[in-house]
């Protein structure tokens, strides 16, 4: 049985062989609309990358993770596989394992097998994708207590679960912390520190600064999946916010900003055009861009300092042989 704490929208119940608690804090129409309007009114125009992840966007991102050019996923998975027992020993017994941005819950299986936690709490903004992936995982791990929550953790939020014993351990994979500007990343890490509490832990994957050509290839794949993922954002806005973006009039653009140490993804307007979103009109000049995502890359020194400023001390760092990616085990001071 899929059990759910009722919030708006209405509760969804499904019959299952084992129990999952589901908490729905999905962003409502008015919230998404106001953020999109605000972003399109700014100079330069921008939209938060959290809106990539409707059902179609989540599926496309899963495909991106399998691409030859997109090294972060396979590199992080290799690190987790190699050091999973060390991670489990640091995490301790009876942990409540909280995954930020759980997506399809692929990587977490490595930690579930090694740690055998008391509970698993997947958090994700893509509601339908979260439900389906949590159900699949619960079928594979019938002994596991699963509490799934649809949450936008870029805003204020609280965890709808209280661990009975053991430490809370947050897992934030995929270098998703890089999607936040440094100030916002600092604030989010502080929130995670408060979430896991004194002596609580955070396992976090962070992409490293490296050769520009390697970075740019990862976001400009030859098969065009990343371009589809980027453009799907406009399709989602069309469907959910009554907009009239013509996807043929926009092009995917991604490059490494060497000054800010970040990949930037944009959608470039191919023509001068007016766009309506829920009755409000916005003008795009030809070659004007809509900034859809930043992905900051960190040196070990810079990220360790960021974590320290947010209330964490670094207990262990694991990296791949090429030093392309690192996984940190952090503990609240």
C-alpha atoms as a PDB file:
ATOM      1  CA  UNK A   1       0.000   0.000   0.000  1.00  0.00           C
ATOM      2  CA  UNK A   2       1.271   3.445  -0.933  1.00  0.00           C
ATOM      3  CA  UNK A   3       0.398   5.611   2.052  1.00  0.00           C
ATOM      4  CA  UNK A   4       0.414   9.376   1.731  1.00  0.00           C
ATOM      5  CA  UNK A   5       0.269  12.418   3.938  1.00  0.00           C
ATOM      6  CA  UNK A   6      -2.365  14.643   2.354  1.00  0.00           C
ATOM      7  CA  UNK A   7      -1.353  18.014   1.039  1.00  0.00           C
ATOM      8  CA  UNK A   8      -2.559  19.858  -2.055  1.00  0.00           C
ATOM      9  CA  UNK A   9      -3.031  18.402  -4.614  1.00  0.00           C
ATOM     10  CA  UNK A  10      -5.230  15.456  -3.575  1.00  0.00           C
ATOM     11  CA  UNK A  11      -3.690  12.264  -2.241  1.00  0.00           C
ATOM     12  CA  UNK A  12      -2.882   9.438  -4.638  1.00  0.00           C
ATOM     13  CA  UNK A  13      -3.152   5.874  -3.370  1.00  0.00           C
ATOM     14  CA  UNK A  14      -1.900   2.754  -5.106  1.00  0.00           C
ATOM     15  CA  UNK A  15      -2.128  -0.850  -3.986  1.00  0.00           C
ATOM     16  CA  UNK A  16       1.270  -2.471  -3.453  1.00  0.00           C
ATOM     17  CA  UNK A  17       2.837  -5.471  -1.801  1.00  0.00           C
ATOM     18  CA  UNK A  18       4.690  -3.329   0.718  1.00  0.00           C
ATOM     19  CA  UNK A  19       4.262   0.120   2.207  1.00  0.00           C
ATOM     20  CA  UNK A  20       5.694   3.459   1.126  1.00  0.00           C
ATOM     21  CA  UNK A  21       4.895   6.735   2.810  1.00  0.00           C
ATOM     22  CA  UNK A  22       4.587   9.519   0.248  1.00  0.00           C
ATOM     23  CA  UNK A  23       4.500  13.216   1.081  1.00  0.00           C
ATOM     24  CA  UNK A  24       3.438  15.613  -1.642  1.00  0.00           C
ATOM     25  CA  UNK A  25       4.874  19.119  -1.479  1.00  0.00           C
ATOM     26  CA  UNK A  26       4.928  19.524  -5.257  1.00  0.00           C
ATOM     27  CA  UNK A  27       5.240  23.189  -6.366  1.00  0.00           C
ATOM     28  CA  UNK A  28       1.839  24.512  -7.351  1.00  0.00           C
ATOM     29  CA  UNK A  29       0.882  26.265 -10.600  1.00  0.00           C
ATOM     30  CA  UNK A  30       1.004  29.766  -9.108  1.00  0.00           C
ATOM     31  CA  UNK A  31       4.484  29.205  -7.702  1.00  0.00           C
ATOM     32  CA  UNK A  32       5.906  27.954 -11.000  1.00  0.00           C
ATOM     33  CA  UNK A  33       4.175  30.693 -12.979  1.00  0.00           C
ATOM     34  CA  UNK A  34       5.452  33.498 -10.764  1.00  0.00           C
ATOM     35  CA  UNK A  35       9.018  32.162 -10.963  1.00  0.00           C
ATOM     36  CA  UNK A  36       8.894  31.812 -14.748  1.00  0.00           C
ATOM     37  CA  UNK A  37       7.407  35.298 -15.159  1.00  0.00           C
ATOM     38  CA  UNK A  38      10.085  36.725 -12.866  1.00  0.00           C
ATOM     39  CA  UNK A  39      12.899  34.990 -14.714  1.00  0.00           C
ATOM     40  CA  UNK A  40      11.685  36.104 -18.140  1.00  0.00           C
ATOM     41  CA  UNK A  41      11.427  39.687 -16.869  1.00  0.00           C
ATOM     42  CA  UNK A  42      15.069  39.838 -15.782  1.00  0.00           C
ATOM     43  CA  UNK A  43      18.096  40.897 -17.810  1.00  0.00           C
ATOM     44  CA  UNK A  44      19.517  38.501 -18.821  1.00  0.00           C
ATOM     45  CA  UNK A  45      16.526  36.178 -18.898  1.00  0.00           C
ATOM     46  CA  UNK A  46      16.769  32.987 -16.855  1.00  0.00           C
ATOM     47  CA  UNK A  47      14.724  30.053 -15.591  1.00  0.00           C
ATOM     48  CA  UNK A  48      15.693  27.860 -12.638  1.00  0.00           C
ATOM     49  CA  UNK A  49      16.971  24.413 -13.707  1.00  0.00           C
ATOM     50  CA  UNK A  50      14.621  22.684 -11.247  1.00  0.00           C
ATOM     51  CA  UNK A  51      11.906  23.129 -13.887  1.00  0.00           C
ATOM     52  CA  UNK A  52      13.731  20.744 -16.235  1.00  0.00           C
ATOM     53  CA  UNK A  53      12.375  17.797 -14.311  1.00  0.00           C
ATOM     54  CA  UNK A  54       8.895  16.930 -15.444  1.00  0.00           C
ATOM     55  CA  UNK A  55       8.400  13.271 -16.420  1.00  0.00           C
ATOM     56  CA  UNK A  56       9.871  13.782 -19.913  1.00  0.00           C
ATOM     57  CA  UNK A  57      12.778  15.855 -18.603  1.00  0.00           C
ATOM     58  CA  UNK A  58      13.620  13.195 -16.029  1.00  0.00           C
ATOM     59  CA  UNK A  59      13.610  10.514 -18.739  1.00  0.00           C
ATOM     60  CA  UNK A  60      15.902  12.587 -20.934  1.00  0.00           C
ATOM     61  CA  UNK A  61      18.281  13.189 -18.055  1.00  0.00           C
ATOM     62  CA  UNK A  62      18.477   9.441 -17.465  1.00  0.00           C
ATOM     63  CA  UNK A  63      19.542   9.123 -21.123  1.00  0.00           C
ATOM     64  CA  UNK A  64      22.149  11.867 -20.698  1.00  0.00           C
ATOM     65  CA  UNK A  65      23.683   9.916 -17.816  1.00  0.00           C
ATOM     66  CA  UNK A  66      24.363   7.013 -20.215  1.00  0.00           C
ATOM     67  CA  UNK A  67      26.116   9.114 -22.882  1.00  0.00           C
ATOM     68  CA  UNK A  68      29.777   8.549 -23.671  1.00  0.00           C
ATOM     69  CA  UNK A  69      30.517  12.259 -23.391  1.00  0.00           C
ATOM     70  CA  UNK A  70      28.806  12.623 -20.011  1.00  0.00           C
ATOM     71  CA  UNK A  71      31.504  11.361 -17.654  1.00  0.00           C
ATOM     72  CA  UNK A  72      30.091  12.489 -14.243  1.00  0.00           C
ATOM     73  CA  UNK A  73      27.631   9.632 -13.746  1.00  0.00           C
ATOM     74  CA  UNK A  74      29.887   6.694 -14.543  1.00  0.00           C
ATOM     75  CA  UNK A  75      32.824   8.313 -12.703  1.00  0.00           C
ATOM     76  CA  UNK A  76      30.801   8.905  -9.538  1.00  0.00           C
ATOM     77  CA  UNK A  77      29.320   5.392  -9.691  1.00  0.00           C
ATOM     78  CA  UNK A  78      32.832   3.914  -9.961  1.00  0.00           C
ATOM     79  CA  UNK A  79      33.958   5.883  -6.891  1.00  0.00           C
ATOM     80  CA  UNK A  80      30.922   4.766  -4.880  1.00  0.00           C
ATOM     81  CA  UNK A  81      31.435   1.132  -5.880  1.00  0.00           C
ATOM     82  CA  UNK A  82      35.119   1.219  -4.989  1.00  0.00           C
ATOM     83  CA  UNK A  83      34.710   2.864  -1.587  1.00  0.00           C
ATOM     84  CA  UNK A  84      31.201   1.767  -0.512  1.00  0.00           C
ATOM     85  CA  UNK A  85      32.428  -0.207   2.497  1.00  0.00           C
ATOM     86  CA  UNK A  86      34.455   2.743   3.786  1.00  0.00           C
ATOM     87  CA  UNK A  87      31.399   4.953   3.320  1.00  0.00           C
ATOM     88  CA  UNK A  88      29.211   2.472   5.203  1.00  0.00           C
ATOM     89  CA  UNK A  89      31.656   2.305   8.110  1.00  0.00           C
ATOM     90  CA  UNK A  90      31.731   6.090   8.403  1.00  0.00           C
ATOM     91  CA  UNK A  91      27.925   6.318   8.221  1.00  0.00           C
ATOM     92  CA  UNK A  92      27.374   3.807  11.018  1.00  0.00           C
ATOM     93  CA  UNK A  93      24.451   1.525  11.797  1.00  0.00           C
ATOM     94  CA  UNK A  94      20.703   2.281  11.712  1.00  0.00           C
ATOM     95  CA  UNK A  95      21.169   5.395   9.598  1.00  0.00           C
ATOM     96  CA  UNK A  96      18.284   7.219   7.988  1.00  0.00           C
ATOM     97  CA  UNK A  97      19.563   7.724   4.431  1.00  0.00           C
ATOM     98  CA  UNK A  98      18.188  10.861   2.770  1.00  0.00           C
ATOM     99  CA  UNK A  99      18.759  11.312  -0.962  1.00  0.00           C
ATOM    100  CA  UNK A 100      18.545  14.826  -2.380  1.00  0.00           C
ATOM    101  CA  UNK A 101      17.337  14.798  -5.986  1.00  0.00           C
ATOM    102  CA  UNK A 102      16.814  11.053  -6.070  1.00  0.00           C
ATOM    103  CA  UNK A 103      15.757  10.842  -9.728  1.00  0.00           C
ATOM    104  CA  UNK A 104      15.657   7.187 -10.771  1.00  0.00           C
ATOM    105  CA  UNK A 105      17.402   6.075  -7.545  1.00  0.00           C
ATOM    106  CA  UNK A 106      20.172   4.212  -9.379  1.00  0.00           C
ATOM    107  CA  UNK A 107      23.237   5.271  -7.380  1.00  0.00           C
ATOM    108  CA  UNK A 108      21.529   4.855  -4.030  1.00  0.00           C
ATOM    109  CA  UNK A 109      21.391   1.074  -4.516  1.00  0.00           C
ATOM    110  CA  UNK A 110      25.163   0.958  -4.024  1.00  0.00           C
ATOM    111  CA  UNK A 111      24.808   2.608  -0.610  1.00  0.00           C
ATOM    112  CA  UNK A 112      21.692   0.642   0.370  1.00  0.00           C
ATOM    113  CA  UNK A 113      23.536  -2.631  -0.189  1.00  0.00           C
ATOM    114  CA  UNK A 114      26.574  -1.477   1.754  1.00  0.00           C
ATOM    115  CA  UNK A 115      24.920   0.473   4.567  1.00  0.00           C
ATOM    116  CA  UNK A 116      21.676  -1.460   5.184  1.00  0.00           C
ATOM    117  CA  UNK A 117      20.048   1.720   6.560  1.00  0.00           C
ATOM    118  CA  UNK A 118      17.005   1.774   8.796  1.00  0.00           C
ATOM    119  CA  UNK A 119      15.120   4.020   6.393  1.00  0.00           C
ATOM    120  CA  UNK A 120      15.457   5.587   2.963  1.00  0.00           C
ATOM    121  CA  UNK A 121      14.037   9.029   2.185  1.00  0.00           C
ATOM    122  CA  UNK A 122      14.163   9.967  -1.510  1.00  0.00           C
ATOM    123  CA  UNK A 123      13.498  13.677  -2.159  1.00  0.00           C
ATOM    124  CA  UNK A 124      12.789  14.941  -5.667  1.00  0.00           C
ATOM    125  CA  UNK A 125      10.854  17.675  -7.441  1.00  0.00           C
ATOM    126  CA  UNK A 126       9.556  15.400 -10.227  1.00  0.00           C
ATOM    127  CA  UNK A 127       6.474  13.903  -8.562  1.00  0.00           C
ATOM    128  CA  UNK A 128       5.477  11.091 -10.938  1.00  0.00           C
ATOM    129  CA  UNK A 129       9.079  10.040 -11.546  1.00  0.00           C
ATOM    130  CA  UNK A 130       9.658   9.958  -7.780  1.00  0.00           C
ATOM    131  CA  UNK A 131       6.645   7.742  -7.145  1.00  0.00           C
ATOM    132  CA  UNK A 132       7.513   5.230  -9.856  1.00  0.00           C
ATOM    133  CA  UNK A 133      11.206   5.008  -8.943  1.00  0.00           C
ATOM    134  CA  UNK A 134      10.406   4.670  -5.216  1.00  0.00           C
ATOM    135  CA  UNK A 135       7.975   1.870  -5.923  1.00  0.00           C
ATOM    136  CA  UNK A 136      10.513  -0.014  -8.005  1.00  0.00           C
ATOM    137  CA  UNK A 137      13.134   0.374  -5.311  1.00  0.00           C
ATOM    138  CA  UNK A 138      10.740  -0.774  -2.560  1.00  0.00           C
ATOM    139  CA  UNK A 139      10.036  -3.940  -4.522  1.00  0.00           C
ATOM    140  CA  UNK A 140      13.783  -4.650  -4.711  1.00  0.00           C
ATOM    141  CA  UNK A 141      14.312  -3.885  -0.998  1.00  0.00           C
ATOM    142  CA  UNK A 142      11.181  -5.164   0.799  1.00  0.00           C
ATOM    143  CA  UNK A 143      12.918  -4.814   4.192  1.00  0.00           C
ATOM    144  CA  UNK A 144      13.477  -1.086   3.686  1.00  0.00           C
ATOM    145  CA  UNK A 145      11.306   1.621   5.253  1.00  0.00           C
ATOM    146  CA  UNK A 146      10.737   4.128   2.398  1.00  0.00           C
ATOM    147  CA  UNK A 147       9.468   7.677   2.930  1.00  0.00           C
ATOM    148  CA  UNK A 148       9.347   9.544  -0.398  1.00  0.00           C
ATOM    149  CA  UNK A 149       8.767  13.292  -0.504  1.00  0.00           C
ATOM    150  CA  UNK A 150       8.140  15.528  -3.494  1.00  0.00           C
ATOM    151  CA  UNK A 151      10.027  18.633  -2.391  1.00  0.00           C
ATOM    152  CA  UNK A 152      11.536  21.704  -3.994  1.00  0.00           C
ATOM    153  CA  UNK A 153      14.624  21.991  -1.817  1.00  0.00           C
ATOM    154  CA  UNK A 154      15.673  25.244  -3.510  1.00  0.00           C
ATOM    155  CA  UNK A 155      12.992  26.831  -1.274  1.00  0.00           C
ATOM    156  CA  UNK A 156      12.222  26.509   2.427  1.00  0.00           C
ATOM    157  CA  UNK A 157      11.327  22.900   3.338  1.00  0.00           C
ATOM    158  CA  UNK A 158      11.193  20.449   6.198  1.00  0.00           C
ATOM    159  CA  UNK A 159      11.733  16.714   6.250  1.00  0.00           C
ATOM    160  CA  UNK A 160       8.473  14.856   7.059  1.00  0.00           C
ATOM    161  CA  UNK A 161      10.200  12.077   9.003  1.00  0.00           C
ATOM    162  CA  UNK A 162      11.817  11.607  12.398  1.00  0.00           C
ATOM    163  CA  UNK A 163      14.539   8.993  12.798  1.00  0.00           C
ATOM    164  CA  UNK A 164      14.092   6.801  15.861  1.00  0.00           C
ATOM    165  CA  UNK A 165      17.765   5.872  16.194  1.00  0.00           C
ATOM    166  CA  UNK A 166      21.010   6.195  14.294  1.00  0.00           C
ATOM    167  CA  UNK A 167      22.359   9.227  12.473  1.00  0.00           C
ATOM    168  CA  UNK A 168      20.775  10.993   9.561  1.00  0.00           C
ATOM    169  CA  UNK A 169      22.949  10.711   6.475  1.00  0.00           C
ATOM    170  CA  UNK A 170      22.189  12.874   3.454  1.00  0.00           C
ATOM    171  CA  UNK A 171      23.271  11.761  -0.019  1.00  0.00           C
ATOM    172  CA  UNK A 172      23.546  14.475  -2.671  1.00  0.00           C
ATOM    173  CA  UNK A 173      24.973  12.879  -5.834  1.00  0.00           C
ATOM    174  CA  UNK A 174      25.576  14.013  -9.396  1.00  0.00           C
ATOM    175  CA  UNK A 175      27.312  17.282  -8.514  1.00  0.00           C
ATOM    176  CA  UNK A 176      23.835  18.817  -8.283  1.00  0.00           C
ATOM    177  CA  UNK A 177      25.264  21.280  -5.761  1.00  0.00           C
ATOM    178  CA  UNK A 178      26.924  22.851  -8.817  1.00  0.00           C
ATOM    179  CA  UNK A 179      23.524  23.998 -10.087  1.00  0.00           C
ATOM    180  CA  UNK A 180      23.445  26.557  -7.289  1.00  0.00           C
ATOM    181  CA  UNK A 181      25.355  29.829  -7.320  1.00  0.00           C
ATOM    182  CA  UNK A 182      27.977  29.848  -4.527  1.00  0.00           C
ATOM    183  CA  UNK A 183      25.819  31.841  -2.092  1.00  0.00           C
ATOM    184  CA  UNK A 184      22.813  29.597  -2.692  1.00  0.00           C
ATOM    185  CA  UNK A 185      25.034  26.509  -2.443  1.00  0.00           C
ATOM    186  CA  UNK A 186      26.279  27.751   0.924  1.00  0.00           C
ATOM    187  CA  UNK A 187      22.713  28.301   2.138  1.00  0.00           C
ATOM    188  CA  UNK A 188      21.585  24.863   0.928  1.00  0.00           C
ATOM    189  CA  UNK A 189      24.507  23.161   2.664  1.00  0.00           C
ATOM    190  CA  UNK A 190      23.578  25.007   5.863  1.00  0.00           C
ATOM    191  CA  UNK A 191      20.021  23.698   5.528  1.00  0.00           C
ATOM    192  CA  UNK A 192      21.315  20.161   5.034  1.00  0.00           C
ATOM    193  CA  UNK A 193      23.499  20.567   8.139  1.00  0.00           C
ATOM    194  CA  UNK A 194      20.417  21.556  10.126  1.00  0.00           C
ATOM    195  CA  UNK A 195      18.471  18.671   8.588  1.00  0.00           C
ATOM    196  CA  UNK A 196      20.942  15.942   9.592  1.00  0.00           C
ATOM    197  CA  UNK A 197      21.670  17.596  12.947  1.00  0.00           C
ATOM    198  CA  UNK A 198      24.732  17.505  15.232  1.00  0.00           C
ATOM    199  CA  UNK A 199      27.244  14.860  14.082  1.00  0.00           C
ATOM    200  CA  UNK A 200      24.986  14.121  11.112  1.00  0.00           C
ATOM    201  CA  UNK A 201      26.622  13.333   7.804  1.00  0.00           C
ATOM    202  CA  UNK A 202      26.531  14.284   4.142  1.00  0.00           C
ATOM    203  CA  UNK A 203      27.855  12.194   1.248  1.00  0.00           C
ATOM    204  CA  UNK A 204      28.131  14.527  -1.723  1.00  0.00           C
ATOM    205  CA  UNK A 205      29.446  14.166  -5.252  1.00  0.00           C
ATOM    206  CA  UNK A 206      31.220  17.187  -6.717  1.00  0.00           C
ATOM    207  CA  UNK A 207      32.553  17.704 -10.236  1.00  0.00           C
ATOM    208  CA  UNK A 208      36.116  19.000 -10.512  1.00  0.00           C
ATOM    209  CA  UNK A 209      37.600  21.775 -12.622  1.00  0.00           C
ATOM    210  CA  UNK A 210      39.241  20.209 -15.678  1.00  0.00           C
ATOM    211  CA  UNK A 211      40.033  20.690 -19.345  1.00  0.00           C
ATOM    212  CA  UNK A 212      37.489  22.945 -21.052  1.00  0.00           C
ATOM    213  CA  UNK A 213      37.081  20.578 -24.005  1.00  0.00           C
ATOM    214  CA  UNK A 214      36.089  17.681 -21.745  1.00  0.00           C
ATOM    215  CA  UNK A 215      33.574  19.835 -19.900  1.00  0.00           C
ATOM    216  CA  UNK A 216      31.971  21.322 -22.987  1.00  0.00           C
ATOM    217  CA  UNK A 217      31.709  17.936 -24.728  1.00  0.00           C
ATOM    218  CA  UNK A 218      29.731  16.598 -21.759  1.00  0.00           C
ATOM    219  CA  UNK A 219      27.021  19.210 -22.337  1.00  0.00           C
ATOM    220  CA  UNK A 220      27.060  19.189 -26.153  1.00  0.00           C
ATOM    221  CA  UNK A 221      26.690  15.491 -26.965  1.00  0.00           C
ATOM    222  CA  UNK A 222      26.719  14.401 -30.611  1.00  0.00           C
ATOM    223  CA  UNK A 223      23.351  12.652 -30.330  1.00  0.00           C
ATOM    224  CA  UNK A 224      21.636  15.875 -29.234  1.00  0.00           C
ATOM    225  CA  UNK A 225      20.023  14.444 -26.076  1.00  0.00           C
ATOM    226  CA  UNK A 226      21.176  17.390 -23.953  1.00  0.00           C
ATOM    227  CA  UNK A 227      19.692  19.789 -26.520  1.00  0.00           C
ATOM    228  CA  UNK A 228      16.374  17.908 -26.295  1.00  0.00           C
ATOM    229  CA  UNK A 229      16.567  18.093 -22.494  1.00  0.00           C
ATOM    230  CA  UNK A 230      17.165  21.841 -22.624  1.00  0.00           C
ATOM    231  CA  UNK A 231      14.381  22.497 -25.139  1.00  0.00           C
ATOM    232  CA  UNK A 232      11.954  20.311 -23.190  1.00  0.00           C
ATOM    233  CA  UNK A 233      11.894  23.060 -20.589  1.00  0.00           C
ATOM    234  CA  UNK A 234      10.059  25.262 -23.097  1.00  0.00           C
ATOM    235  CA  UNK A 235       7.702  22.426 -23.978  1.00  0.00           C
ATOM    236  CA  UNK A 236       6.862  21.980 -20.311  1.00  0.00           C
ATOM    237  CA  UNK A 237       6.120  25.693 -19.951  1.00  0.00           C
ATOM    238  CA  UNK A 238       3.888  25.486 -23.031  1.00  0.00           C
ATOM    239  CA  UNK A 239       1.922  22.589 -21.578  1.00  0.00           C
ATOM    240  CA  UNK A 240       1.678  23.670 -17.957  1.00  0.00           C
ATOM    241  CA  UNK A 241       1.628  27.470 -18.185  1.00  0.00           C
ATOM    242  CA  UNK A 242      -0.262  28.034 -21.444  1.00  0.00           C
ATOM    243  CA  UNK A 243       2.746  29.457 -23.314  1.00  0.00           C
ATOM    244  CA  UNK A 244       3.496  29.566 -27.043  1.00  0.00           C
ATOM    245  CA  UNK A 245       7.222  28.871 -27.333  1.00  0.00           C
ATOM    246  CA  UNK A 246       8.070  27.507 -30.793  1.00  0.00           C
ATOM    247  CA  UNK A 247      10.916  25.102 -30.082  1.00  0.00           C
ATOM    248  CA  UNK A 248      12.135  25.428 -33.677  1.00  0.00           C
ATOM    249  CA  UNK A 249      12.950  29.072 -32.970  1.00  0.00           C
ATOM    250  CA  UNK A 250      15.408  28.281 -30.161  1.00  0.00           C
ATOM    251  CA  UNK A 251      18.793  26.535 -30.153  1.00  0.00           C
ATOM    252  CA  UNK A 252      20.731  24.786 -27.393  1.00  0.00           C
ATOM    253  CA  UNK A 253      23.996  26.430 -26.319  1.00  0.00           C
ATOM    254  CA  UNK A 254      26.448  25.252 -23.643  1.00  0.00           C
ATOM    255  CA  UNK A 255      29.936  26.545 -22.826  1.00  0.00           C
ATOM    256  CA  UNK A 256      32.444  26.730 -19.986  1.00  0.00           C
ATOM    257  CA  UNK A 257      32.728  30.126 -18.316  1.00  0.00           C
ATOM    258  CA  UNK A 258      36.394  30.115 -17.270  1.00  0.00           C
ATOM    259  CA  UNK A 259      36.040  33.217 -15.083  1.00  0.00           C
ATOM    260  CA  UNK A 260      33.286  31.671 -12.930  1.00  0.00           C
ATOM    261  CA  UNK A 261      34.387  28.011 -13.266  1.00  0.00           C
ATOM    262  CA  UNK A 262      30.976  26.911 -14.454  1.00  0.00           C
ATOM    263  CA  UNK A 263      29.280  25.352 -17.437  1.00  0.00           C
ATOM    264  CA  UNK A 264      26.410  27.524 -18.628  1.00  0.00           C
ATOM    265  CA  UNK A 265      23.445  26.192 -20.577  1.00  0.00           C
ATOM    266  CA  UNK A 266      21.336  28.602 -22.593  1.00  0.00           C
ATOM    267  CA  UNK A 267      18.578  28.599 -25.163  1.00  0.00           C
ATOM    268  CA  UNK A 268      19.304  31.080 -27.933  1.00  0.00           C
ATOM    269  CA  UNK A 269      16.472  32.846 -29.753  1.00  0.00           C
ATOM    270  CA  UNK A 270      17.050  32.320 -33.482  1.00  0.00           C
ATOM    271  CA  UNK A 271      14.753  35.188 -34.479  1.00  0.00           C
ATOM    272  CA  UNK A 272      13.188  38.298 -32.929  1.00  0.00           C
ATOM    273  CA  UNK A 273       9.981  37.018 -31.333  1.00  0.00           C
ATOM    274  CA  UNK A 274       7.221  37.661 -28.830  1.00  0.00           C
ATOM    275  CA  UNK A 275       6.338  34.893 -26.382  1.00  0.00           C
ATOM    276  CA  UNK A 276       3.173  34.669 -24.306  1.00  0.00           C
ATOM    277  CA  UNK A 277       3.120  32.843 -20.981  1.00  0.00           C
ATOM    278  CA  UNK A 278      -0.292  32.651 -19.281  1.00  0.00           C
ATOM    279  CA  UNK A 279      -1.351  35.869 -21.016  1.00  0.00           C
ATOM    280  CA  UNK A 280       1.816  37.875 -20.292  1.00  0.00           C
ATOM    281  CA  UNK A 281       4.053  38.839 -23.241  1.00  0.00           C
ATOM    282  CA  UNK A 282       7.855  38.787 -23.356  1.00  0.00           C
ATOM    283  CA  UNK A 283      10.109  39.868 -26.222  1.00  0.00           C
ATOM    284  CA  UNK A 284      13.247  38.020 -27.309  1.00  0.00           C
ATOM    285  CA  UNK A 285      15.712  39.745 -29.598  1.00  0.00           C
ATOM    286  CA  UNK A 286      17.521  37.656 -32.188  1.00  0.00           C
ATOM    287  CA  UNK A 287      20.484  35.853 -30.538  1.00  0.00           C
ATOM    288  CA  UNK A 288      19.226  36.762 -27.066  1.00  0.00           C
ATOM    289  CA  UNK A 289      19.678  33.859 -24.664  1.00  0.00           C
ATOM    290  CA  UNK A 290      17.627  32.339 -21.891  1.00  0.00           C
ATOM    291  CA  UNK A 291      19.973  31.044 -19.166  1.00  0.00           C
ATOM    292  CA  UNK A 292      18.624  27.647 -18.082  1.00  0.00           C
ATOM    293  CA  UNK A 293      21.397  26.113 -15.988  1.00  0.00           C
ATOM    294  CA  UNK A 294      24.771  26.680 -14.389  1.00  0.00           C
ATOM    295  CA  UNK A 295      26.988  23.812 -13.298  1.00  0.00           C
ATOM    296  CA  UNK A 296      29.838  25.010 -11.104  1.00  0.00           C
ATOM    297  CA  UNK A 297      33.047  22.989 -10.962  1.00  0.00           C
ATOM    298  CA  UNK A 298      35.148  22.990  -7.795  1.00  0.00           C
ATOM    299  CA  UNK A 299      38.697  22.324  -6.772  1.00  0.00           C
ATOM    300  CA  UNK A 300      39.003  20.250  -3.594  1.00  0.00           C
ATOM    301  CA  UNK A 301      40.262  23.300  -1.715  1.00  0.00           C
ATOM    302  CA  UNK A 302      37.342  25.492  -2.813  1.00  0.00           C
ATOM    303  CA  UNK A 303      34.645  22.958  -2.042  1.00  0.00           C
ATOM    304  CA  UNK A 304      36.151  21.996   1.313  1.00  0.00           C
ATOM    305  CA  UNK A 305      36.091  25.669   2.283  1.00  0.00           C
ATOM    306  CA  UNK A 306      32.499  26.037   1.082  1.00  0.00           C
ATOM    307  CA  UNK A 307      31.468  23.069   3.222  1.00  0.00           C
ATOM    308  CA  UNK A 308      33.407  24.372   6.240  1.00  0.00           C
ATOM    309  CA  UNK A 309      31.682  27.755   5.987  1.00  0.00           C
ATOM    310  CA  UNK A 310      28.319  25.954   5.990  1.00  0.00           C
ATOM    311  CA  UNK A 311      29.067  24.014   9.183  1.00  0.00           C
ATOM    312  CA  UNK A 312      30.629  20.789   7.893  1.00  0.00           C
ATOM    313  CA  UNK A 313      34.049  19.306   8.451  1.00  0.00           C
ATOM    314  CA  UNK A 314      35.521  16.968   5.846  1.00  0.00           C
ATOM    315  CA  UNK A 315      36.163  13.446   7.140  1.00  0.00           C
ATOM    316  CA  UNK A 316      37.120  11.773   3.846  1.00  0.00           C
ATOM    317  CA  UNK A 317      37.494  12.506   0.136  1.00  0.00           C
ATOM    318  CA  UNK A 318      37.543   9.901  -2.620  1.00  0.00           C
ATOM    319  CA  UNK A 319      38.444  10.698  -6.241  1.00  0.00           C
ATOM    320  CA  UNK A 320      38.860   8.814  -9.499  1.00  0.00           C
ATOM    321  CA  UNK A 321      42.286   8.179 -11.007  1.00  0.00           C
ATOM    322  CA  UNK A 322      41.964  11.133 -13.401  1.00  0.00           C
ATOM    323  CA  UNK A 323      40.861  13.532 -10.641  1.00  0.00           C
ATOM    324  CA  UNK A 324      37.768  14.427 -12.649  1.00  0.00           C
ATOM    325  CA  UNK A 325      35.246  13.913  -9.836  1.00  0.00           C
ATOM    326  CA  UNK A 326      35.240  13.621  -6.042  1.00  0.00           C
ATOM    327  CA  UNK A 327      32.918  12.202  -3.406  1.00  0.00           C
ATOM    328  CA  UNK A 328      33.125  13.838   0.036  1.00  0.00           C
ATOM    329  CA  UNK A 329      32.066  12.464   3.400  1.00  0.00           C
ATOM    330  CA  UNK A 330      31.192  15.477   5.530  1.00  0.00           C
ATOM    331  CA  UNK A 331      30.105  15.706   9.163  1.00  0.00           C
ATOM    332  CA  UNK A 332      28.345  18.548  10.940  1.00  0.00           C
ATOM    333  CA  UNK A 333      30.695  20.291  13.347  1.00  0.00           C
END
